[in-house]
Amino acid sequence: MVKLRLKRCGRKQRAVYRIVAIDVRSRREGRDLRKVGFFDPINSQTYLNVPLILYFLEKGAQPTGTVYDISKRAEVFTEFLPNQNQTKVN
């Protein structure tokens, strides 16, 4: 199973995080599948590759709580949820 989660980077006391798609069984700093964003809590900067995040969500990736909150603030799920509600019409 694939998760969207944070990967810690930076130096001591100055942590920045990459938002990555990674296998559940990997460590926090383990090998990721793709980098999909960046989060800097000190300077309050966020970069998200929204099409790539939506691709992984459509394939069944689960975001962690923190990544979910970051994505929700950036209104990523407003683009994802209308795609989920499509029904087949015969």
C-alpha atoms as a PDB file:
ATOM      1  CA  MET A   1       0.000   0.000   0.000  1.00  0.00           C
ATOM      2  CA  VAL A   2       1.200   3.497  -0.815  1.00  0.00           C
ATOM      3  CA  LYS A   3       0.956   6.441   1.569  1.00  0.00           C
ATOM      4  CA  LEU A   4       1.504  10.155   1.119  1.00  0.00           C
ATOM      5  CA  ARG A   5       3.640  11.201   4.066  1.00  0.00           C
ATOM      6  CA  LEU A   6       6.349  13.576   5.251  1.00  0.00           C
ATOM      7  CA  LYS A   7      10.060  12.890   4.838  1.00  0.00           C
ATOM      8  CA  ARG A   8      12.297  14.955   7.124  1.00  0.00           C
ATOM      9  CA  CYS A   9      15.125  16.981   5.588  1.00  0.00           C
ATOM     10  CA  GLY A  10      17.203  19.945   6.673  1.00  0.00           C
ATOM     11  CA  ARG A  11      19.513  20.360   9.630  1.00  0.00           C
ATOM     12  CA  LYS A  12      19.033  20.213  13.373  1.00  0.00           C
ATOM     13  CA  GLN A  13      16.371  22.581  14.705  1.00  0.00           C
ATOM     14  CA  ARG A  14      15.621  23.725  11.108  1.00  0.00           C
ATOM     15  CA  ALA A  15      13.549  20.850   9.780  1.00  0.00           C
ATOM     16  CA  VAL A  16      11.859  21.023   6.399  1.00  0.00           C
ATOM     17  CA  TYR A  17       9.789  18.221   4.978  1.00  0.00           C
ATOM     18  CA  ARG A  18       9.250  16.683   1.581  1.00  0.00           C
ATOM     19  CA  ILE A  19       5.838  15.252   0.888  1.00  0.00           C
ATOM     20  CA  VAL A  20       6.426  11.900  -0.775  1.00  0.00           C
ATOM     21  CA  ALA A  21       4.539   8.895  -2.038  1.00  0.00           C
ATOM     22  CA  ILE A  22       6.161   5.939  -0.293  1.00  0.00           C
ATOM     23  CA  ASP A  23       5.482   2.283   0.427  1.00  0.00           C
ATOM     24  CA  VAL A  24       3.994   1.732   3.899  1.00  0.00           C
ATOM     25  CA  ARG A  25       6.733  -0.707   4.877  1.00  0.00           C
ATOM     26  CA  SER A  26       9.550   1.809   4.251  1.00  0.00           C
ATOM     27  CA  ARG A  27      11.216   3.904   6.925  1.00  0.00           C
ATOM     28  CA  ARG A  28      10.578   7.643   7.236  1.00  0.00           C
ATOM     29  CA  GLU A  29      13.820   8.443   5.422  1.00  0.00           C
ATOM     30  CA  GLY A  30      13.510   5.381   3.169  1.00  0.00           C
ATOM     31  CA  ARG A  31      13.353   5.288  -0.590  1.00  0.00           C
ATOM     32  CA  ASP A  32      10.320   7.103  -1.938  1.00  0.00           C
ATOM     33  CA  LEU A  33       8.347   6.449  -5.109  1.00  0.00           C
ATOM     34  CA  ARG A  34       7.855  10.119  -6.036  1.00  0.00           C
ATOM     35  CA  LYS A  35       8.271  13.529  -4.469  1.00  0.00           C
ATOM     36  CA  VAL A  36       4.919  15.307  -4.620  1.00  0.00           C
ATOM     37  CA  GLY A  37       5.475  18.395  -2.506  1.00  0.00           C
ATOM     38  CA  PHE A  38       7.427  20.412   0.017  1.00  0.00           C
ATOM     39  CA  PHE A  39       6.520  21.810   3.442  1.00  0.00           C
ATOM     40  CA  ASP A  40       8.523  24.307   5.500  1.00  0.00           C
ATOM     41  CA  PRO A  41       6.834  24.888   8.885  1.00  0.00           C
ATOM     42  CA  ILE A  42       9.329  27.566   9.967  1.00  0.00           C
ATOM     43  CA  ASN A  43       8.700  29.916   7.033  1.00  0.00           C
ATOM     44  CA  SER A  44       5.132  28.664   6.436  1.00  0.00           C
ATOM     45  CA  GLN A  45       5.869  27.719   2.837  1.00  0.00           C
ATOM     46  CA  THR A  46       4.141  24.896   1.005  1.00  0.00           C
ATOM     47  CA  TYR A  47       4.513  23.596  -2.532  1.00  0.00           C
ATOM     48  CA  LEU A  48       2.232  20.846  -3.800  1.00  0.00           C
ATOM     49  CA  ASN A  49       2.246  19.134  -7.176  1.00  0.00           C
ATOM     50  CA  VAL A  50      -1.541  18.828  -7.280  1.00  0.00           C
ATOM     51  CA  PRO A  51      -1.905  16.690 -10.457  1.00  0.00           C
ATOM     52  CA  LEU A  52       0.573  14.176  -9.080  1.00  0.00           C
ATOM     53  CA  ILE A  53      -1.151  14.088  -5.678  1.00  0.00           C
ATOM     54  CA  LEU A  54      -4.520  13.534  -7.363  1.00  0.00           C
ATOM     55  CA  TYR A  55      -2.998  10.725  -9.452  1.00  0.00           C
ATOM     56  CA  PHE A  56      -1.794   8.884  -6.348  1.00  0.00           C
ATOM     57  CA  LEU A  57      -5.092   9.442  -4.538  1.00  0.00           C
ATOM     58  CA  GLU A  58      -7.017   7.992  -7.504  1.00  0.00           C
ATOM     59  CA  LYS A  59      -4.732   4.947  -7.424  1.00  0.00           C
ATOM     60  CA  GLY A  60      -5.615   4.359  -3.758  1.00  0.00           C
ATOM     61  CA  ALA A  61      -2.836   6.109  -1.833  1.00  0.00           C
ATOM     62  CA  GLN A  62      -3.734   7.147   1.703  1.00  0.00           C
ATOM     63  CA  PRO A  63      -2.466  10.476   3.101  1.00  0.00           C
ATOM     64  CA  THR A  64      -1.277  10.634   6.701  1.00  0.00           C
ATOM     65  CA  GLY A  65      -3.029  13.025   9.059  1.00  0.00           C
ATOM     66  CA  THR A  66      -0.534  15.845   8.617  1.00  0.00           C
ATOM     67  CA  VAL A  67      -0.412  15.519   4.835  1.00  0.00           C
ATOM     68  CA  TYR A  68      -4.206  15.441   4.778  1.00  0.00           C
ATOM     69  CA  ASP A  69      -4.351  18.708   6.759  1.00  0.00           C
ATOM     70  CA  ILE A  70      -1.771  20.386   4.494  1.00  0.00           C
ATOM     71  CA  SER A  71      -3.628  19.255   1.380  1.00  0.00           C
ATOM     72  CA  LYS A  72      -6.986  20.310   2.787  1.00  0.00           C
ATOM     73  CA  ARG A  73      -5.643  23.811   3.507  1.00  0.00           C
ATOM     74  CA  ALA A  74      -4.468  23.976  -0.115  1.00  0.00           C
ATOM     75  CA  GLU A  75      -7.937  22.795  -1.274  1.00  0.00           C
ATOM     76  CA  VAL A  76      -6.629  19.730  -3.100  1.00  0.00           C
ATOM     77  CA  PHE A  77      -9.617  17.620  -2.096  1.00  0.00           C
ATOM     78  CA  THR A  78     -12.136  19.971  -3.700  1.00  0.00           C
ATOM     79  CA  GLU A  79     -10.670  18.822  -7.012  1.00  0.00           C
ATOM     80  CA  PHE A  80     -10.510  15.162  -5.972  1.00  0.00           C
ATOM     81  CA  LEU A  81     -13.989  14.660  -4.509  1.00  0.00           C
ATOM     82  CA  PRO A  82     -16.049  15.629  -7.610  1.00  0.00           C
ATOM     83  CA  ASN A  83     -14.174  12.932  -9.541  1.00  0.00           C
ATOM     84  CA  GLN A  84     -15.175  10.366  -6.893  1.00  0.00           C
ATOM     85  CA  ASN A  85     -18.910  11.112  -7.134  1.00  0.00           C
ATOM     86  CA  GLN A  86     -19.260  10.292 -10.823  1.00  0.00           C
ATOM     87  CA  THR A  87     -21.853   7.572 -11.413  1.00  0.00           C
ATOM     88  CA  LYS A  88     -22.414   5.414 -14.450  1.00  0.00           C
ATOM     89  CA  VAL A  89     -25.527   6.197 -16.462  1.00  0.00           C
ATOM     90  CA  ASN A  90     -26.955   3.415 -18.642  1.00  0.00           C
END
